[in-house]
Amino acid sequence: MKIENASSHRKLTRMQPKSRWSKFLTGIRPKLLAWYFLLAAGTTLVSLHATRQILCNSVNARSQEGVNQQVEQFQLMVQKNRFKGNTAARTLPVLFDRLLSSYSPVPNEYILMFVGTDLYRSSVSLPKDLVDAPTLERWKQKAQPQRGSLTTPTQQYLSYAVEPVALGGQAGHVVAIYNASAEFQSIDRSIDRISQIALIALGIGSVLAWVTIGRILAPLKLLTHTAQSISESDMTQRIPMRGEDEIAELGTRFNEMLDRLQEAFDSQKEFLKDASHELRTPVTVIQGHLETLQYAPPQQQSATLALVMDELDRMTRLVNDLLLLAKADHPHFLHLRSEELDWLTEELYLKARSMAARDWRLESKGLSPILVDRQRLTQAVMNLVQNAIRHTPPSGIITLGSAVKQDRAYLWVRDTGEGIAPEDRSRIFERFARVAKQNATVEGHGLGLSIVQAIAQAHGGWVEVNSRIGHGSTFTLVLPLTPPDAAYESDSHRRGQPAHLRLPGNRTPGTQFQSDDRQ
């Protein structure tokens, strides 16, 4: 008992609806918004980083180009002043003094002149926080040309170029420096402003995305509401659709599915009503005769039993037909074998002409092997023959024939009966369907043509009907020579045998059949 209670408690727990916040957080709308935000934020960060990197690289390139130009100008000035003046002037200090006297300083540019390892002069006074002592000490020791950039501990961004100089037995070097700190700070300020604007835009975009996602998902909410409101007794709800996007197409397909389900349910209800009606009549007849059987005189009992057996046979046929229709969609409904169409047509003709006294004719025979279930196909053709016999007077003509066109086989039964009205042709293949004016006079329970159609469709084909009032009807089975995905027994026992050359009865030459090339 405790186990049952615990199980019931777990079921009730699973059935409890989620809280409002839990449902909100797990909904598709917040998830889409979160993915949008992450994607937009990630794209913005990557763009800002890439933009800053591009700008910094540009500043580095310009500053390096500037110090290189300063070094080139210095080298040119050294060449011009190397042999001017007297011998005493041919020393590095004198040369440096002459160079500085003609040098025009540029903002953020500095030139340091070293004689040996000592700093001799600079173009302008260096700010105290521009170059730290370790960096200056390294530059004092430089004896080889060098180009580069560095960031000082005081967050100064410097580009520099070192160029050695030798004159009058003295060695020294010049260091050209460009301070790009202001430009980098300007870039950082610009990136900060852009980041603030991007953050505001991201917030506005998120609000708009939330509203847009809500509008996009509105049909899905409507679809959910419609699905919840649908029951077996009420399937009239449909989703109003506008537009041609994927969600509109989903709603359209959902409405089409509801139409098919409603049609299937209505068909099922009609089928149950018709089946119960068809079965109620023989049951009532049997029950009534059996109740009075004990009071009937002995000479009437045998007649009563015969009537009861006839009604039972009728019920058996009806039940068998219903079982056949129920199994028509089963994958093992057919047992396919390769049959010769001309032999099969002749056998069908011989069976048909023995069923009733009519003017029977064999019109033509197709010459091709065909994969069919011989028993089911015979059953379908015999149903068409019985239908033709019912609606054709004894003096009328019933014609059978077959032909092959491209990759399809055609088997038809033609009669000269009363024909079918155009308004009745769309419903004659429905279960328990009968032409209204014939219900009282024609035997049968209205499943014959439904069985024919089910067998044809199981073979991958269909049934065509051509009829004129007062001139008769033609029912044609259109079957593929090889059904799709067919599993069959290898060879027919008649394969390779000659067709019958003489058959009793009339022969109608020619190959006439419905030539509707459906795909």
Protein backbone atom coordinates (compact mmCIF):
# COMPACT_ATOMS: atom_id res chain seq x y z
CA MET A 1 0.00 0.00 0.00
CA LYS A 2 2.85 2.37 0.81
CA ILE A 3 4.49 1.60 -2.50
CA GLU A 4 1.28 2.44 -4.36
CA ASN A 5 0.94 5.72 -2.46
CA ALA A 6 4.53 6.66 -3.24
CA SER A 7 4.00 5.87 -6.91
CA SER A 8 0.82 7.94 -6.96
CA HIS A 9 2.66 10.79 -5.28
CA ARG A 10 5.39 10.70 -7.93
CA LYS A 11 2.79 10.75 -10.71
CA LEU A 12 1.02 13.71 -9.12
CA THR A 13 4.34 15.48 -8.74
CA ARG A 14 5.15 14.98 -12.42
CA MET A 15 1.69 16.19 -13.41
CA GLN A 16 1.92 19.40 -11.39
CA PRO A 17 2.33 22.43 -13.69
CA LYS A 18 5.58 24.32 -13.62
CA SER A 19 5.77 27.63 -11.79
CA ARG A 20 5.42 30.81 -13.78
CA TRP A 21 9.10 31.75 -13.45
CA SER A 22 10.27 28.22 -14.24
CA LYS A 23 8.09 28.16 -17.34
CA PHE A 24 9.37 31.62 -18.31
CA LEU A 25 13.04 30.70 -17.94
CA THR A 26 12.67 27.46 -19.89
CA GLY A 27 10.59 29.02 -22.66
CA ILE A 28 11.89 29.44 -26.18
CA ARG A 29 11.47 33.23 -26.13
CA PRO A 30 14.02 33.87 -23.31
CA LYS A 31 16.35 31.30 -24.88
CA LEU A 32 16.24 33.04 -28.25
CA LEU A 33 16.78 36.42 -26.57
CA ALA A 34 19.74 35.05 -24.59
CA TRP A 35 21.32 33.63 -27.75
CA TYR A 36 20.71 36.91 -29.54
CA PHE A 37 22.28 38.88 -26.69
CA LEU A 38 25.31 36.58 -26.52
CA LEU A 39 25.77 36.70 -30.28
CA ALA A 40 25.38 40.49 -30.48
CA ALA A 41 27.62 41.09 -27.44
CA GLY A 42 30.27 38.71 -28.72
CA THR A 43 30.20 40.30 -32.16
CA THR A 44 30.46 43.77 -30.63
CA LEU A 45 33.41 42.82 -28.41
CA VAL A 46 35.25 41.17 -31.29
CA SER A 47 34.59 44.21 -33.51
CA LEU A 48 35.80 46.66 -30.86
CA HIS A 49 38.91 44.62 -30.20
CA ALA A 50 39.66 44.32 -33.91
CA THR A 51 39.06 48.06 -34.41
CA ARG A 52 41.38 48.98 -31.55
CA GLN A 53 44.05 46.62 -32.81
CA ILE A 54 43.86 48.11 -36.31
CA LEU A 55 44.10 51.66 -34.98
CA CYS A 56 47.01 50.77 -32.67
CA ASN A 57 48.86 49.08 -35.49
CA SER A 58 48.34 52.17 -37.60
CA VAL A 59 49.73 54.40 -34.85
CA ASN A 60 52.70 52.07 -34.40
CA ALA A 61 53.40 52.15 -38.12
CA ARG A 62 53.21 55.94 -38.29
CA SER A 63 55.38 56.45 -35.22
CA GLN A 64 57.98 53.97 -36.47
CA GLU A 65 57.99 55.68 -39.82
CA GLY A 66 58.50 59.03 -38.03
CA VAL A 67 61.58 57.89 -36.07
CA ASN A 68 63.00 56.29 -39.21
CA GLN A 69 62.63 59.59 -41.02
CA GLN A 70 64.41 61.37 -38.12
CA VAL A 71 67.30 58.92 -38.34
CA GLU A 72 67.52 59.32 -42.10
CA GLN A 73 67.60 63.11 -41.75
CA PHE A 74 70.33 62.79 -39.10
CA GLN A 75 72.39 60.55 -41.39
CA LEU A 76 72.02 63.05 -44.20
CA MET A 77 73.11 65.91 -41.95
CA VAL A 78 76.13 63.87 -40.77
CA GLN A 79 77.21 63.37 -44.37
CA LYS A 80 76.90 67.09 -45.12
CA ASN A 81 78.87 68.21 -42.02
CA ARG A 82 81.47 65.45 -41.87
CA PHE A 83 84.18 67.39 -43.82
CA LYS A 84 83.19 71.00 -43.11
CA GLY A 85 85.27 73.27 -40.93
CA ASN A 86 88.69 72.63 -39.42
CA THR A 87 90.06 69.45 -37.99
CA ALA A 88 89.07 70.40 -34.47
CA ALA A 89 85.48 70.49 -35.54
CA ARG A 90 85.63 66.95 -36.72
CA THR A 91 84.57 65.52 -33.39
CA LEU A 92 81.27 64.07 -32.26
CA PRO A 93 80.39 66.78 -29.74
CA VAL A 94 80.97 69.53 -32.34
CA LEU A 95 79.02 67.56 -34.90
CA PHE A 96 76.15 67.01 -32.47
CA ASP A 97 76.10 70.72 -31.58
CA ARG A 98 75.90 71.73 -35.24
CA LEU A 99 73.14 69.21 -35.84
CA LEU A 100 71.05 70.40 -32.92
CA SER A 101 71.51 74.04 -33.94
CA SER A 102 69.82 73.30 -37.25
CA TYR A 103 67.27 70.78 -35.90
CA SER A 104 63.63 71.84 -35.65
CA PRO A 105 61.93 69.77 -32.90
CA VAL A 106 58.57 68.15 -33.58
CA PRO A 107 56.03 67.60 -30.78
CA ASN A 108 56.41 64.21 -29.10
CA GLU A 109 59.71 63.59 -30.91
CA TYR A 110 63.05 63.46 -29.10
CA ILE A 111 66.67 62.85 -30.14
CA LEU A 112 69.27 61.58 -27.67
CA MET A 113 72.97 61.84 -28.59
CA PHE A 114 75.50 59.58 -26.91
CA VAL A 115 79.28 59.91 -27.00
CA GLY A 116 80.57 56.56 -25.97
CA THR A 117 78.21 55.42 -23.26
CA ASP A 118 77.49 58.91 -21.95
CA LEU A 119 74.46 60.94 -22.81
CA TYR A 120 75.80 64.10 -24.43
CA ARG A 121 72.70 66.10 -25.32
CA SER A 122 69.05 65.75 -26.29
CA SER A 123 66.93 67.75 -28.69
CA VAL A 124 64.62 68.96 -25.91
CA SER A 125 64.43 68.23 -22.24
CA LEU A 126 63.07 64.78 -21.61
CA PRO A 127 60.04 64.54 -19.32
CA LYS A 128 60.92 62.78 -16.10
CA ASP A 129 58.40 59.99 -16.63
CA LEU A 130 59.13 59.47 -20.34
CA VAL A 131 62.03 57.04 -20.12
CA ASP A 132 62.84 54.98 -17.06
CA ALA A 133 66.41 54.41 -15.92
CA PRO A 134 66.76 50.78 -17.07
CA THR A 135 65.60 51.66 -20.58
CA LEU A 136 67.96 54.64 -20.77
CA GLU A 137 70.80 52.45 -19.54
CA ARG A 138 70.14 49.90 -22.29
CA TRP A 139 70.17 52.63 -24.93
CA LYS A 140 73.56 53.88 -23.64
CA GLN A 141 75.06 50.47 -24.37
CA LYS A 142 73.70 50.17 -27.92
CA ALA A 143 76.40 49.87 -30.58
CA GLN A 144 74.29 48.38 -33.37
CA PRO A 145 71.37 49.83 -35.38
CA GLN A 146 68.03 48.87 -33.89
CA ARG A 147 64.35 49.67 -34.43
CA GLY A 148 61.47 48.89 -32.08
CA SER A 149 58.74 50.02 -29.69
CA LEU A 150 58.12 49.61 -25.98
CA THR A 151 55.75 50.44 -23.17
CA THR A 152 57.35 52.00 -20.11
CA PRO A 153 56.23 51.29 -16.54
CA THR A 154 54.56 54.71 -16.55
CA GLN A 155 52.32 53.61 -19.48
CA GLN A 156 54.25 55.55 -22.11
CA TYR A 157 54.11 54.09 -25.63
CA LEU A 158 57.41 54.80 -27.38
CA SER A 159 58.81 54.00 -30.81
CA TYR A 160 62.56 54.32 -31.16
CA ALA A 161 65.43 53.91 -33.60
CA VAL A 162 69.13 53.57 -32.68
CA GLU A 163 71.80 54.62 -35.19
CA PRO A 164 75.61 54.39 -34.38
CA VAL A 165 77.97 57.24 -35.45
CA ALA A 166 81.81 57.30 -35.66
CA LEU A 167 83.88 60.45 -36.26
CA GLY A 168 87.42 61.53 -35.40
CA GLY A 169 88.20 58.31 -33.59
CA GLN A 170 85.15 58.70 -31.39
CA ALA A 171 82.17 56.32 -31.37
CA GLY A 172 78.67 57.24 -30.38
CA HIS A 173 75.10 56.78 -31.39
CA VAL A 174 71.84 58.63 -31.79
CA VAL A 175 68.44 57.48 -30.44
CA ALA A 176 65.31 58.92 -32.10
CA ILE A 177 62.16 58.59 -29.94
CA TYR A 178 58.50 59.19 -30.75
CA ASN A 179 55.98 59.28 -27.90
CA ALA A 180 52.63 57.91 -29.16
CA SER A 181 50.98 57.85 -25.73
CA ALA A 182 48.55 60.65 -26.57
CA GLU A 183 47.37 58.86 -29.70
CA PHE A 184 46.88 55.58 -27.88
CA GLN A 185 44.98 57.36 -25.13
CA SER A 186 42.81 58.99 -27.77
CA ILE A 187 42.12 55.55 -29.26
CA ASP A 188 41.19 54.17 -25.82
CA ARG A 189 38.83 57.08 -25.16
CA SER A 190 37.19 56.57 -28.56
CA ILE A 191 36.81 52.84 -27.94
CA ASP A 192 35.25 53.58 -24.53
CA ARG A 193 32.71 55.94 -26.08
CA ILE A 194 31.93 53.44 -28.83
CA SER A 195 31.52 50.71 -26.19
CA GLN A 196 29.01 52.85 -24.29
CA ILE A 197 27.06 53.57 -27.46
CA ALA A 198 27.20 49.86 -28.41
CA LEU A 199 25.91 48.89 -24.95
CA ILE A 200 22.96 51.27 -25.30
CA ALA A 201 22.28 49.98 -28.81
CA LEU A 202 22.50 46.42 -27.52
CA GLY A 203 19.93 47.19 -24.83
CA ILE A 204 17.56 48.79 -27.35
CA GLY A 205 18.15 45.90 -29.76
CA SER A 206 17.37 43.39 -27.01
CA VAL A 207 14.04 45.11 -26.30
CA LEU A 208 13.18 45.15 -29.99
CA ALA A 209 14.31 41.53 -30.31
CA TRP A 210 12.07 40.55 -27.39
CA VAL A 211 9.07 42.18 -29.07
CA THR A 212 9.96 40.72 -32.48
CA ILE A 213 10.45 37.22 -31.10
CA GLY A 214 7.08 37.50 -29.38
CA ARG A 215 5.41 38.42 -32.66
CA ILE A 216 7.21 35.63 -34.50
CA LEU A 217 6.25 33.05 -31.87
CA ALA A 218 2.64 34.23 -31.64
CA PRO A 219 1.48 31.62 -34.21
CA LEU A 220 3.20 28.91 -32.16
CA LYS A 221 1.32 30.03 -29.04
CA LEU A 222 -1.87 30.03 -31.06
CA LEU A 223 -0.99 26.57 -32.35
CA THR A 224 -0.48 25.34 -28.77
CA HIS A 225 -3.78 26.88 -27.67
CA THR A 226 -5.55 25.31 -30.64
CA ALA A 227 -4.00 21.90 -29.93
CA GLN A 228 -5.15 22.12 -26.29
CA SER A 229 -8.67 23.08 -27.31
CA ILE A 230 -9.06 20.22 -29.78
CA SER A 231 -10.89 17.14 -28.62
CA GLU A 232 -12.41 14.15 -30.35
CA SER A 233 -15.81 15.80 -30.22
CA ASP A 234 -14.64 19.24 -31.43
CA MET A 235 -12.03 19.50 -34.19
CA THR A 236 -13.30 22.70 -35.77
CA GLN A 237 -10.56 24.97 -34.40
CA ARG A 238 -8.06 26.22 -36.99
CA ILE A 239 -5.08 28.59 -36.89
CA PRO A 240 -5.44 31.81 -38.92
CA MET A 241 -2.25 32.15 -40.95
CA ARG A 242 -0.72 35.14 -42.71
CA GLY A 243 2.54 35.38 -44.59
CA GLU A 244 4.68 32.78 -46.30
CA ASP A 245 7.48 32.13 -43.80
CA GLU A 246 8.38 28.83 -42.13
CA ILE A 247 6.04 29.35 -39.15
CA ALA A 248 3.17 30.22 -41.49
CA GLU A 249 3.91 27.05 -43.42
CA LEU A 250 3.94 25.09 -40.14
CA GLY A 251 0.54 26.51 -39.24
CA THR A 252 -0.79 25.69 -42.69
CA ARG A 253 0.47 22.11 -42.43
CA PHE A 254 -1.03 21.87 -38.94
CA ASN A 255 -4.40 23.01 -40.30
CA GLU A 256 -4.12 20.47 -43.10
CA MET A 257 -3.32 17.78 -40.54
CA LEU A 258 -6.42 18.78 -38.57
CA ASP A 259 -8.47 18.57 -41.76
CA ARG A 260 -7.17 15.06 -42.38
CA LEU A 261 -7.79 14.02 -38.79
CA GLN A 262 -11.29 15.45 -38.84
CA GLU A 263 -11.95 13.67 -42.11
CA ALA A 264 -10.57 10.44 -40.65
CA PHE A 265 -12.67 10.76 -37.50
CA ASP A 266 -15.77 11.59 -39.50
CA SER A 267 -15.05 8.67 -41.81
CA GLN A 268 -14.54 6.41 -38.80
CA LYS A 269 -17.84 7.52 -37.29
CA GLU A 270 -19.64 6.97 -40.58
CA PHE A 271 -17.92 3.61 -40.97
CA LEU A 272 -18.98 2.48 -37.49
CA LYS A 273 -22.51 3.70 -38.11
CA ASP A 274 -22.74 1.95 -41.48
CA ALA A 275 -21.07 -1.23 -40.22
CA SER A 276 -23.38 -1.40 -37.21
CA HIS A 277 -26.35 -0.83 -39.51
CA GLU A 278 -25.23 -3.55 -41.92
CA LEU A 279 -24.66 -6.00 -39.08
CA ARG A 280 -27.81 -5.06 -37.19
CA THR A 281 -30.10 -6.15 -40.01
CA PRO A 282 -28.94 -9.80 -40.25
CA VAL A 283 -28.65 -10.01 -36.45
CA THR A 284 -32.25 -8.81 -36.10
CA VAL A 285 -33.43 -11.26 -38.75
CA ILE A 286 -31.58 -14.17 -37.15
CA GLN A 287 -32.76 -13.26 -33.66
CA GLY A 288 -36.38 -12.94 -34.76
CA HIS A 289 -36.43 -16.28 -36.59
CA LEU A 290 -34.62 -18.11 -33.81
CA GLU A 291 -37.08 -16.75 -31.23
CA THR A 292 -40.02 -18.10 -33.26
CA LEU A 293 -38.28 -21.31 -34.31
CA GLN A 294 -39.59 -23.31 -31.33
CA TYR A 295 -43.16 -22.34 -32.19
CA ALA A 296 -42.90 -23.03 -35.91
CA PRO A 297 -44.29 -26.27 -37.36
CA PRO A 298 -41.65 -28.89 -38.26
CA GLN A 299 -42.06 -28.37 -41.98
CA GLN A 300 -41.06 -24.66 -41.61
CA GLN A 301 -38.05 -25.21 -39.39
CA SER A 302 -35.77 -26.28 -42.24
CA ALA A 303 -36.72 -23.14 -44.21
CA THR A 304 -36.08 -21.01 -41.13
CA LEU A 305 -32.67 -22.62 -40.61
CA ALA A 306 -31.79 -22.05 -44.28
CA LEU A 307 -32.70 -18.38 -43.96
CA VAL A 308 -30.66 -18.08 -40.77
CA MET A 309 -27.63 -19.70 -42.45
CA ASP A 310 -27.97 -17.35 -45.39
CA GLU A 311 -27.93 -14.35 -43.08
CA LEU A 312 -24.94 -15.79 -41.24
CA ASP A 313 -23.16 -16.23 -44.57
CA ARG A 314 -23.92 -12.62 -45.36
CA MET A 315 -22.49 -11.52 -42.02
CA THR A 316 -19.42 -13.66 -42.61
CA ARG A 317 -18.84 -12.05 -46.01
CA LEU A 318 -19.24 -8.61 -44.51
CA VAL A 319 -16.81 -9.33 -41.66
CA ASN A 320 -14.28 -10.85 -44.09
CA ASP A 321 -14.51 -7.80 -46.33
CA LEU A 322 -13.99 -5.49 -43.35
CA LEU A 323 -10.98 -7.53 -42.25
CA LEU A 324 -9.53 -7.32 -45.76
CA LEU A 325 -9.90 -3.54 -45.79
CA ALA A 326 -8.32 -3.34 -42.34
CA LYS A 327 -5.33 -5.41 -43.48
CA ALA A 328 -4.89 -3.56 -46.79
CA ASP A 329 -2.25 -1.22 -45.28
CA HIS A 330 -0.32 -4.05 -43.66
CA PRO A 331 3.15 -4.60 -45.19
CA HIS A 332 2.49 -8.35 -45.60
CA PHE A 333 -0.91 -7.88 -47.18
CA LEU A 334 0.43 -8.91 -50.62
CA HIS A 335 2.38 -12.02 -51.63
CA LEU A 336 3.90 -10.97 -54.94
CA ARG A 337 4.90 -13.33 -57.71
CA SER A 338 5.88 -12.83 -61.31
CA GLU A 339 2.93 -13.67 -63.53
CA GLU A 340 2.44 -13.54 -67.30
CA LEU A 341 -0.25 -10.93 -67.94
CA ASP A 342 -1.77 -12.73 -70.96
CA TRP A 343 -2.22 -16.01 -69.03
CA LEU A 344 -3.66 -14.14 -66.05
CA THR A 345 -6.11 -12.26 -68.27
CA GLU A 346 -7.33 -15.47 -69.87
CA GLU A 347 -7.89 -17.13 -66.49
CA LEU A 348 -9.81 -14.12 -65.23
CA TYR A 349 -11.93 -14.22 -68.38
CA LEU A 350 -12.67 -17.95 -67.95
CA LYS A 351 -13.69 -17.42 -64.31
CA ALA A 352 -15.85 -14.41 -65.11
CA ARG A 353 -17.84 -15.95 -67.96
CA SER A 354 -18.97 -18.81 -65.72
CA MET A 355 -20.51 -16.47 -63.15
CA ALA A 356 -23.60 -15.37 -65.11
CA ALA A 357 -25.24 -15.55 -68.50
CA ARG A 358 -24.04 -12.47 -70.36
CA ASP A 359 -22.42 -11.72 -73.70
CA TRP A 360 -18.80 -12.13 -72.55
CA ARG A 361 -15.93 -10.80 -74.62
CA LEU A 362 -12.13 -10.79 -74.30
CA GLU A 363 -10.86 -7.60 -75.84
CA SER A 364 -7.06 -7.87 -75.64
CA LYS A 365 -4.19 -9.34 -73.63
CA GLY A 366 -1.06 -7.61 -72.49
CA LEU A 367 2.22 -9.38 -73.18
CA SER A 368 4.52 -8.77 -70.24
CA PRO A 369 5.48 -10.32 -66.92
CA ILE A 370 3.99 -8.47 -63.97
CA LEU A 371 4.59 -8.66 -60.22
CA VAL A 372 1.22 -9.12 -58.51
CA ASP A 373 -0.54 -11.01 -55.78
CA ARG A 374 -2.50 -13.38 -57.95
CA GLN A 375 -5.18 -14.07 -55.34
CA ARG A 376 -5.77 -10.42 -54.42
CA LEU A 377 -5.79 -9.26 -58.03
CA THR A 378 -8.26 -11.99 -58.95
CA GLN A 379 -10.44 -10.90 -56.05
CA ALA A 380 -10.37 -7.28 -57.27
CA VAL A 381 -11.25 -8.20 -60.87
CA MET A 382 -14.02 -10.55 -59.73
CA ASN A 383 -15.51 -7.75 -57.63
CA LEU A 384 -15.55 -5.58 -60.76
CA VAL A 385 -17.14 -8.45 -62.68
CA GLN A 386 -19.83 -8.94 -60.01
CA ASN A 387 -20.49 -5.21 -60.09
CA ALA A 388 -20.83 -5.35 -63.89
CA ILE A 389 -23.20 -8.35 -63.66
CA ARG A 390 -25.46 -6.53 -61.17
CA HIS A 391 -25.83 -3.50 -63.43
CA THR A 392 -25.94 -5.21 -66.83
CA PRO A 393 -29.09 -6.89 -68.17
CA PRO A 394 -28.85 -10.51 -69.39
CA SER A 395 -28.68 -9.30 -72.99
CA GLY A 396 -25.86 -6.87 -72.24
CA ILE A 397 -22.17 -7.19 -73.05
CA ILE A 398 -19.35 -7.47 -70.51
CA THR A 399 -15.80 -7.11 -71.82
CA LEU A 400 -12.51 -7.97 -70.13
CA GLY A 401 -9.06 -7.03 -71.35
CA SER A 402 -5.53 -6.09 -70.46
CA ALA A 403 -2.69 -4.14 -72.01
CA VAL A 404 0.74 -2.77 -71.21
CA LYS A 405 1.85 0.78 -71.76
CA GLN A 406 5.35 1.89 -70.76
CA ASP A 407 5.89 0.60 -67.20
CA ARG A 408 2.23 0.04 -66.29
CA ALA A 409 -0.29 -2.72 -66.82
CA TYR A 410 -4.00 -2.02 -67.42
CA LEU A 411 -6.81 -4.50 -66.66
CA TRP A 412 -10.35 -3.40 -67.32
CA VAL A 413 -13.94 -4.60 -67.07
CA ARG A 414 -16.45 -2.88 -69.37
CA ASP A 415 -20.21 -3.31 -69.30
CA THR A 416 -23.21 -1.94 -71.16
CA GLY A 417 -25.34 -1.37 -68.08
CA GLU A 418 -27.07 1.74 -66.84
CA GLY A 419 -23.87 3.68 -66.11
CA ILE A 420 -22.97 5.94 -63.21
CA ALA A 421 -24.03 9.56 -62.80
CA PRO A 422 -21.15 12.09 -62.61
CA GLU A 423 -22.15 13.19 -59.10
CA ASP A 424 -21.88 9.59 -57.86
CA ARG A 425 -18.45 8.77 -59.28
CA SER A 426 -16.58 10.55 -56.49
CA ARG A 427 -18.21 8.43 -53.76
CA ILE A 428 -18.62 4.97 -55.25
CA PHE A 429 -15.27 3.87 -53.78
CA GLU A 430 -16.29 4.87 -50.26
CA ARG A 431 -17.14 2.11 -47.82
CA PHE A 432 -20.84 1.18 -47.74
CA ALA A 433 -21.49 3.65 -50.57
CA ARG A 434 -24.28 2.83 -53.02
CA VAL A 435 -26.00 4.78 -55.72
CA ALA A 436 -29.17 6.04 -54.05
CA LYS A 437 -31.71 4.79 -56.60
CA GLN A 438 -30.27 1.27 -56.49
CA ASN A 439 -30.19 0.63 -52.76
CA ALA A 440 -33.43 -1.25 -52.73
CA THR A 441 -32.80 -3.38 -55.80
CA VAL A 442 -29.10 -4.19 -55.85
CA GLU A 443 -27.61 -6.85 -53.60
CA GLY A 444 -24.47 -6.21 -51.60
CA HIS A 445 -23.26 -4.06 -48.77
CA GLY A 446 -21.19 -1.45 -50.64
CA LEU A 447 -17.66 -2.70 -49.95
CA GLY A 448 -16.81 -4.24 -53.33
CA LEU A 449 -15.30 -1.15 -54.97
CA SER A 450 -13.57 -0.16 -51.72
CA ILE A 451 -11.82 -3.54 -51.76
CA VAL A 452 -10.86 -3.06 -55.42
CA GLN A 453 -9.35 0.31 -54.65
CA ALA A 454 -7.49 -1.02 -51.57
CA ILE A 455 -5.96 -3.88 -53.57
CA ALA A 456 -4.92 -1.56 -56.41
CA GLN A 457 -3.31 0.90 -53.99
CA ALA A 458 -1.51 -1.93 -52.18
CA HIS A 459 0.09 -2.79 -55.55
CA GLY A 460 1.15 0.85 -55.98
CA GLY A 461 -1.61 1.59 -58.52
CA TRP A 462 -5.10 3.01 -58.69
CA VAL A 463 -8.56 2.52 -60.21
CA GLU A 464 -10.00 4.60 -63.02
CA VAL A 465 -13.67 4.80 -63.95
CA ASN A 466 -15.23 6.01 -67.17
CA SER A 467 -19.02 5.92 -67.42
CA ARG A 468 -21.96 7.37 -69.29
CA ILE A 469 -25.56 7.14 -68.20
CA GLY A 470 -27.35 4.56 -70.38
CA HIS A 471 -24.14 3.39 -72.09
CA GLY A 472 -22.37 1.48 -69.34
CA SER A 473 -19.14 1.81 -67.36
CA THR A 474 -15.48 0.89 -67.63
CA PHE A 475 -13.41 0.19 -64.52
CA THR A 476 -9.65 0.00 -65.13
CA LEU A 477 -7.01 -1.27 -62.74
CA VAL A 478 -3.74 0.61 -63.38
CA LEU A 479 -0.79 -1.27 -61.86
CA PRO A 480 2.98 -0.83 -62.10
CA LEU A 481 4.75 -3.78 -63.70
CA THR A 482 7.08 -3.82 -60.68
CA PRO A 483 5.64 -2.38 -57.45
CA PRO A 484 8.03 -0.20 -55.43
CA ASP A 485 10.02 -2.05 -52.74
CA ALA A 486 8.58 -5.34 -53.92
CA ALA A 487 9.67 -8.62 -52.32
CA TYR A 488 8.45 -11.49 -54.46
CA GLU A 489 8.91 -15.10 -55.45
CA SER A 490 11.31 -15.45 -58.32
CA ASP A 491 9.48 -16.94 -61.30
CA SER A 492 5.98 -17.80 -62.35
CA HIS A 493 5.17 -21.43 -63.09
CA ARG A 494 3.81 -20.26 -66.45
CA ARG A 495 6.75 -18.16 -67.46
CA GLY A 496 7.77 -18.83 -71.04
CA GLN A 497 4.65 -20.83 -71.92
CA PRO A 498 2.59 -19.82 -74.97
CA ALA A 499 -0.71 -18.08 -74.38
CA HIS A 500 -4.03 -19.76 -75.11
CA LEU A 501 -4.77 -19.45 -78.81
CA ARG A 502 -8.44 -20.44 -78.66
CA LEU A 503 -10.94 -19.55 -76.03
CA PRO A 504 -14.65 -20.18 -76.09
CA GLY A 505 -16.74 -17.09 -76.55
CA ASN A 506 -16.34 -13.91 -78.54
CA ARG A 507 -13.07 -12.08 -79.12
CA THR A 508 -12.93 -8.33 -79.68
CA PRO A 509 -9.74 -7.27 -81.45
CA GLY A 510 -7.80 -4.19 -80.51
CA THR A 511 -6.18 -2.77 -77.43
CA GLN A 512 -8.43 -0.22 -75.76
CA PHE A 513 -7.79 1.07 -72.29
CA GLN A 514 -7.71 4.19 -70.20
CA SER A 515 -4.54 6.08 -71.07
CA ASP A 516 -4.38 8.49 -68.18
CA ASP A 517 -0.64 8.83 -67.55
CA ARG A 518 -0.69 9.61 -63.86
CA GLN A 519 2.54 9.77 -61.99
